[in-house]
Each structure stands twice: as structure tokens, then as C-alpha cells.
Amino acid sequence: MIDRVSEVVRCYRMEINVEEANVMISMEILPVQLKIDQTQLEKVAYLTYLCTLIINNARYTQEIKSRTAMARAAFKKKTTLFNTNWTEFKEKACDMLIWNTAMYGAETYDTS
């Protein structure tokens, strides 16, 4: 399979950066060793792709904790904004600043 990927990549005059390439296998029944151009790819349990933490066990608890921490940090940056008595303004600001940060990419979560 990887050899086929290498062939297609070369057809488009592209290269796979073997030093940066990783392999994530969620359920390994037999030992698997994947190589590209005689270089074995490193197996990883998690990786970050487009600011999203991808874990091999398909659990999103770590990603949710990370997003919550980012939302908390965004909230702390705007503490002077939330010290006013304008309740409606606070709610709108919270929707715009905090929940957008917390829920970014949430549509990709597998909740099954």
C-alpha cells in the first residue's frame, strides 16, 4: 500500500518527507512495519494536525481538555471586558470569543 502511495506521489513530482512522516495504527493485531524507500516510519499514539489532536484510540477527551484550556486562556485575556455590568454585551462577547475557540473543529468529533 505504501509503495503505491509513493508511486502516485512521484507521478505528480512530489516527495514524501520520510523524516516527518508518522504512522498511526488504532488496532494492531499483527506487528506492522511500514517503510518508504527503505526507511521505517515511526509509529505514534497521537499527532496534531491542523491544530487538532488526533489520538489512535478515537477518544476525544484530551482534545476537549485542550480546547477548554484554549477557551479559558481566551477568557482570561478579556477579563477587563467582562468586568462591566453589561449583561447582554457579556453574553454576545462570550459567544463571539469563547465558544468559537472552544468549539472550533467540533464538527469533526465522532460521538458514537
N, C-alpha and C. Protein backbone atom coordinates (compact mmCIF):
# COMPACT_ATOMS: atom_id res chain seq x y z
N MET A 1 0.82 -1.20 0.00
CA MET A 1 0.00 0.00 0.00
C MET A 1 0.86 1.26 0.00
N ILE A 2 1.85 1.32 0.87
CA ILE A 2 2.72 2.50 0.94
C ILE A 2 3.51 2.64 -0.35
N ASP A 3 3.93 1.52 -0.94
CA ASP A 3 4.65 1.60 -2.21
C ASP A 3 3.78 2.25 -3.28
N ARG A 4 2.51 1.93 -3.28
CA ARG A 4 1.58 2.52 -4.25
C ARG A 4 1.44 4.02 -4.00
N VAL A 5 1.38 4.42 -2.75
CA VAL A 5 1.31 5.84 -2.42
C VAL A 5 2.57 6.54 -2.91
N SER A 6 3.72 5.93 -2.71
CA SER A 6 4.98 6.51 -3.19
C SER A 6 4.97 6.68 -4.70
N GLU A 7 4.44 5.69 -5.41
CA GLU A 7 4.38 5.78 -6.88
C GLU A 7 3.50 6.95 -7.32
N VAL A 8 2.34 7.07 -6.72
CA VAL A 8 1.42 8.15 -7.09
C VAL A 8 2.03 9.51 -6.78
N VAL A 9 2.67 9.62 -5.63
CA VAL A 9 3.31 10.88 -5.25
C VAL A 9 4.38 11.25 -6.26
N ARG A 10 5.17 10.30 -6.68
CA ARG A 10 6.23 10.57 -7.67
C ARG A 10 5.65 10.95 -9.02
N CYS A 11 4.50 10.38 -9.40
CA CYS A 11 3.86 10.74 -10.66
C CYS A 11 3.53 12.23 -10.72
N TYR A 12 3.22 12.80 -9.58
CA TYR A 12 2.90 14.23 -9.52
C TYR A 12 4.12 15.08 -9.17
N ARG A 13 5.30 14.47 -9.26
CA ARG A 13 6.57 15.15 -8.98
C ARG A 13 6.60 15.75 -7.58
N MET A 14 6.10 14.97 -6.64
CA MET A 14 6.12 15.37 -5.23
C MET A 14 7.00 14.38 -4.48
N GLU A 15 7.30 14.71 -3.23
CA GLU A 15 8.10 13.83 -2.39
C GLU A 15 7.44 13.68 -1.02
N ILE A 16 7.65 12.54 -0.41
CA ILE A 16 7.21 12.32 0.97
C ILE A 16 8.41 12.57 1.86
N ASN A 17 8.24 13.45 2.83
CA ASN A 17 9.32 13.73 3.77
C ASN A 17 9.34 12.60 4.80
N VAL A 18 10.23 11.66 4.61
CA VAL A 18 10.27 10.45 5.44
C VAL A 18 10.62 10.80 6.89
N GLU A 19 11.41 11.85 7.10
CA GLU A 19 11.78 12.23 8.47
C GLU A 19 10.56 12.75 9.24
N GLU A 20 9.61 13.36 8.54
CA GLU A 20 8.43 13.92 9.19
C GLU A 20 7.22 12.98 9.15
N ALA A 21 7.28 11.93 8.36
CA ALA A 21 6.13 11.02 8.20
C ALA A 21 6.00 10.12 9.43
N ASN A 22 4.77 9.93 9.88
CA ASN A 22 4.46 9.07 11.01
C ASN A 22 3.35 8.10 10.63
N VAL A 23 3.23 7.04 11.41
CA VAL A 23 2.18 6.04 11.20
C VAL A 23 1.37 5.94 12.48
N MET A 24 0.05 5.94 12.33
CA MET A 24 -0.81 5.74 13.49
C MET A 24 -1.73 4.56 13.18
N ILE A 25 -1.63 3.53 13.99
CA ILE A 25 -2.45 2.33 13.81
C ILE A 25 -3.31 2.21 15.06
N SER A 26 -4.63 2.20 14.87
CA SER A 26 -5.52 2.20 16.03
C SER A 26 -5.65 0.83 16.67
N MET A 27 -5.67 -0.21 15.86
CA MET A 27 -5.85 -1.55 16.42
C MET A 27 -4.88 -2.48 15.72
N GLU A 28 -3.79 -2.76 16.37
CA GLU A 28 -2.74 -3.56 15.75
C GLU A 28 -2.86 -5.01 16.21
N ILE A 29 -3.28 -5.88 15.31
CA ILE A 29 -3.40 -7.30 15.63
C ILE A 29 -2.06 -8.00 15.39
N LEU A 30 -1.46 -7.72 14.27
CA LEU A 30 -0.15 -8.26 13.94
C LEU A 30 0.86 -7.12 13.90
N PRO A 31 2.11 -7.40 14.24
CA PRO A 31 3.12 -6.35 14.15
C PRO A 31 3.25 -5.83 12.71
N VAL A 32 3.21 -4.53 12.56
CA VAL A 32 3.27 -3.92 11.23
C VAL A 32 4.47 -2.99 11.19
N GLN A 33 5.24 -3.11 10.12
CA GLN A 33 6.35 -2.20 9.89
C GLN A 33 6.18 -1.59 8.51
N LEU A 34 5.96 -0.29 8.47
CA LEU A 34 5.78 0.40 7.21
C LEU A 34 7.05 1.15 6.85
N LYS A 35 7.46 0.99 5.60
CA LYS A 35 8.69 1.62 5.12
C LYS A 35 8.42 2.38 3.84
N ILE A 36 9.10 3.49 3.69
CA ILE A 36 9.11 4.25 2.44
C ILE A 36 10.57 4.40 2.05
N ASP A 37 10.90 3.93 0.87
CA ASP A 37 12.29 3.99 0.37
C ASP A 37 13.27 3.42 1.39
N GLN A 38 12.95 2.27 1.92
CA GLN A 38 13.78 1.54 2.87
C GLN A 38 13.96 2.25 4.22
N THR A 39 13.13 3.24 4.50
CA THR A 39 13.17 3.93 5.79
C THR A 39 11.89 3.60 6.55
N GLN A 40 12.07 3.06 7.74
CA GLN A 40 10.90 2.68 8.53
C GLN A 40 10.23 3.92 9.11
N LEU A 41 8.91 3.95 9.02
CA LEU A 41 8.15 5.06 9.55
C LEU A 41 7.92 4.87 11.05
N GLU A 42 7.95 5.97 11.77
CA GLU A 42 7.77 5.94 13.21
C GLU A 42 6.29 5.77 13.56
N LYS A 43 6.00 4.86 14.50
CA LYS A 43 4.63 4.68 14.98
C LYS A 43 4.38 5.67 16.10
N VAL A 44 3.22 6.33 16.06
CA VAL A 44 2.87 7.30 17.09
C VAL A 44 1.49 6.99 17.65
N ALA A 45 1.26 7.40 18.88
CA ALA A 45 -0.04 7.19 19.52
C ALA A 45 -0.96 8.40 19.31
N TYR A 46 -0.35 9.57 19.03
CA TYR A 46 -1.14 10.79 18.79
C TYR A 46 -0.34 11.73 17.90
N LEU A 47 -1.04 12.65 17.28
CA LEU A 47 -0.40 13.69 16.49
C LEU A 47 -1.32 14.89 16.41
N THR A 48 -0.74 16.03 16.08
CA THR A 48 -1.51 17.25 15.92
C THR A 48 -1.56 17.57 14.44
N TYR A 49 -2.76 17.71 13.92
CA TYR A 49 -2.96 18.03 12.51
C TYR A 49 -3.98 19.16 12.40
N LEU A 50 -3.57 20.26 11.81
CA LEU A 50 -4.42 21.44 11.67
C LEU A 50 -5.00 21.86 13.02
N CYS A 51 -4.14 21.94 14.02
CA CYS A 51 -4.49 22.37 15.38
C CYS A 51 -5.47 21.44 16.08
N THR A 52 -5.60 20.21 15.60
CA THR A 52 -6.48 19.24 16.25
C THR A 52 -5.65 18.04 16.68
N LEU A 53 -5.82 17.63 17.91
CA LEU A 53 -5.12 16.47 18.44
C LEU A 53 -5.84 15.21 18.00
N ILE A 54 -5.15 14.35 17.28
CA ILE A 54 -5.72 13.08 16.81
C ILE A 54 -5.05 11.96 17.60
N ILE A 55 -5.87 11.12 18.24
CA ILE A 55 -5.37 10.06 19.10
C ILE A 55 -5.78 8.72 18.51
N ASN A 56 -4.91 7.72 18.61
CA ASN A 56 -5.17 6.43 17.96
C ASN A 56 -6.31 5.63 18.57
N ASN A 57 -6.78 5.99 19.76
CA ASN A 57 -7.88 5.24 20.36
C ASN A 57 -9.24 5.90 20.13
N ALA A 58 -9.27 6.94 19.32
CA ALA A 58 -10.51 7.65 18.94
C ALA A 58 -11.25 8.25 20.13
N ARG A 59 -10.54 8.52 21.19
CA ARG A 59 -11.12 9.22 22.34
C ARG A 59 -10.78 10.70 22.21
N TYR A 60 -11.74 11.55 22.47
CA TYR A 60 -11.52 12.97 22.28
C TYR A 60 -11.40 13.72 23.60
N THR A 61 -11.22 13.02 24.70
CA THR A 61 -11.15 13.70 25.99
C THR A 61 -9.97 14.66 26.05
N GLN A 62 -8.83 14.25 25.54
CA GLN A 62 -7.65 15.12 25.57
C GLN A 62 -7.87 16.34 24.68
N GLU A 63 -8.49 16.14 23.52
CA GLU A 63 -8.78 17.26 22.62
C GLU A 63 -9.76 18.23 23.27
N ILE A 64 -10.77 17.71 23.95
CA ILE A 64 -11.74 18.56 24.62
C ILE A 64 -11.08 19.35 25.76
N LYS A 65 -10.19 18.70 26.50
CA LYS A 65 -9.45 19.39 27.55
C LYS A 65 -8.58 20.50 26.96
N SER A 66 -7.96 20.21 25.84
CA SER A 66 -7.11 21.20 25.17
C SER A 66 -7.94 22.40 24.72
N ARG A 67 -9.10 22.13 24.11
CA ARG A 67 -9.98 23.21 23.64
C ARG A 67 -10.51 24.02 24.82
N THR A 68 -10.83 23.35 25.92
CA THR A 68 -11.31 24.04 27.10
C THR A 68 -10.22 24.96 27.65
N ALA A 69 -8.99 24.48 27.66
CA ALA A 69 -7.87 25.30 28.13
C ALA A 69 -7.67 26.52 27.22
N MET A 70 -7.80 26.34 25.91
CA MET A 70 -7.69 27.47 24.99
C MET A 70 -8.81 28.48 25.23
N ALA A 71 -10.02 27.98 25.48
CA ALA A 71 -11.15 28.88 25.75
C ALA A 71 -10.91 29.64 27.05
N ARG A 72 -10.40 28.95 28.05
CA ARG A 72 -10.10 29.58 29.33
C ARG A 72 -9.05 30.68 29.16
N ALA A 73 -8.03 30.39 28.36
CA ALA A 73 -6.98 31.39 28.10
C ALA A 73 -7.55 32.60 27.36
N ALA A 74 -8.43 32.36 26.39
CA ALA A 74 -9.07 33.46 25.67
C ALA A 74 -9.93 34.29 26.63
N PHE A 75 -10.59 33.63 27.55
CA PHE A 75 -11.43 34.32 28.54
C PHE A 75 -10.57 35.21 29.44
N LYS A 76 -9.44 34.67 29.90
CA LYS A 76 -8.57 35.42 30.80
C LYS A 76 -7.97 36.65 30.11
N LYS A 77 -7.74 36.56 28.81
CA LYS A 77 -7.20 37.71 28.07
C LYS A 77 -8.20 38.86 28.03
N LYS A 78 -9.47 38.55 28.13
CA LYS A 78 -10.52 39.55 28.01
C LYS A 78 -11.18 39.87 29.35
N THR A 79 -10.47 39.71 30.46
CA THR A 79 -11.09 39.93 31.78
C THR A 79 -11.58 41.36 31.96
N THR A 80 -10.87 42.34 31.43
CA THR A 80 -11.34 43.72 31.58
C THR A 80 -12.66 43.93 30.87
N LEU A 81 -12.87 43.23 29.78
CA LEU A 81 -14.12 43.32 29.05
C LEU A 81 -15.29 42.79 29.89
N PHE A 82 -15.01 41.77 30.71
CA PHE A 82 -16.07 41.13 31.48
C PHE A 82 -16.26 41.74 32.87
N ASN A 83 -15.53 42.78 33.19
CA ASN A 83 -15.71 43.44 34.47
C ASN A 83 -16.80 44.51 34.44
N THR A 84 -17.42 44.72 33.30
CA THR A 84 -18.50 45.69 33.19
C THR A 84 -19.82 45.06 33.63
N ASN A 85 -20.85 45.86 33.75
CA ASN A 85 -22.16 45.37 34.18
C ASN A 85 -23.11 45.15 33.00
N TRP A 86 -22.63 45.12 31.84
CA TRP A 86 -23.47 44.98 30.65
C TRP A 86 -23.70 43.51 30.36
N THR A 87 -24.74 42.95 30.88
CA THR A 87 -25.01 41.51 30.77
C THR A 87 -25.18 41.06 29.33
N GLU A 88 -25.94 41.81 28.56
CA GLU A 88 -26.15 41.43 27.16
C GLU A 88 -24.84 41.49 26.37
N PHE A 89 -24.05 42.51 26.65
CA PHE A 89 -22.76 42.63 25.97
C PHE A 89 -21.84 41.47 26.33
N LYS A 90 -21.86 41.08 27.59
CA LYS A 90 -21.05 39.95 28.04
C LYS A 90 -21.45 38.66 27.33
N GLU A 91 -22.77 38.44 27.20
CA GLU A 91 -23.23 37.22 26.55
C GLU A 91 -22.80 37.17 25.09
N LYS A 92 -22.95 38.29 24.39
CA LYS A 92 -22.53 38.34 22.98
C LYS A 92 -21.03 38.16 22.85
N ALA A 93 -20.28 38.82 23.72
CA ALA A 93 -18.82 38.70 23.67
C ALA A 93 -18.39 37.27 23.97
N CYS A 94 -19.08 36.63 24.92
CA CYS A 94 -18.77 35.24 25.25
C CYS A 94 -19.03 34.33 24.05
N ASP A 95 -20.15 34.56 23.38
CA ASP A 95 -20.46 33.77 22.18
C ASP A 95 -19.40 33.97 21.10
N MET A 96 -18.99 35.22 20.91
CA MET A 96 -18.04 35.52 19.84
C MET A 96 -16.63 35.04 20.16
N LEU A 97 -16.18 35.24 21.39
CA LEU A 97 -14.78 35.00 21.73
C LEU A 97 -14.51 33.62 22.31
N ILE A 98 -15.35 33.20 23.23
CA ILE A 98 -15.05 31.99 23.99
C ILE A 98 -15.55 30.74 23.28
N TRP A 99 -16.82 30.70 22.93
CA TRP A 99 -17.38 29.48 22.36
C TRP A 99 -16.81 29.17 20.98
N ASN A 100 -16.47 30.18 20.20
CA ASN A 100 -15.83 29.92 18.91
C ASN A 100 -14.50 29.21 19.10
N THR A 101 -13.74 29.63 20.09
CA THR A 101 -12.45 28.99 20.37
C THR A 101 -12.66 27.57 20.88
N ALA A 102 -13.62 27.39 21.77
CA ALA A 102 -13.85 26.07 22.37
C ALA A 102 -14.40 25.07 21.36
N MET A 103 -15.23 25.51 20.45
CA MET A 103 -15.92 24.59 19.55
C MET A 103 -15.29 24.48 18.18
N TYR A 104 -14.17 25.16 17.94
CA TYR A 104 -13.51 25.09 16.64
C TYR A 104 -13.17 23.64 16.32
N GLY A 105 -13.63 23.14 15.20
CA GLY A 105 -13.35 21.78 14.77
C GLY A 105 -14.23 20.73 15.42
N ALA A 106 -15.18 21.12 16.25
CA ALA A 106 -16.02 20.15 16.97
C ALA A 106 -16.88 19.32 16.03
N GLU A 107 -17.17 19.82 14.83
CA GLU A 107 -17.99 19.04 13.92
C GLU A 107 -17.28 17.77 13.43
N THR A 108 -15.97 17.70 13.67
CA THR A 108 -15.22 16.51 13.26
C THR A 108 -15.19 15.44 14.33
N TYR A 109 -15.71 15.73 15.53
CA TYR A 109 -15.68 14.75 16.61
C TYR A 109 -16.63 13.60 16.30
N ASP A 110 -16.18 12.41 16.60
CA ASP A 110 -17.03 11.21 16.43
C ASP A 110 -17.66 10.94 17.79
N THR A 111 -18.95 11.16 17.91
CA THR A 111 -19.61 11.00 19.20
C THR A 111 -20.26 9.62 19.37
N SER A 112 -20.01 8.73 18.45
CA SER A 112 -20.62 7.39 18.59
C SER A 112 -19.86 6.52 19.55
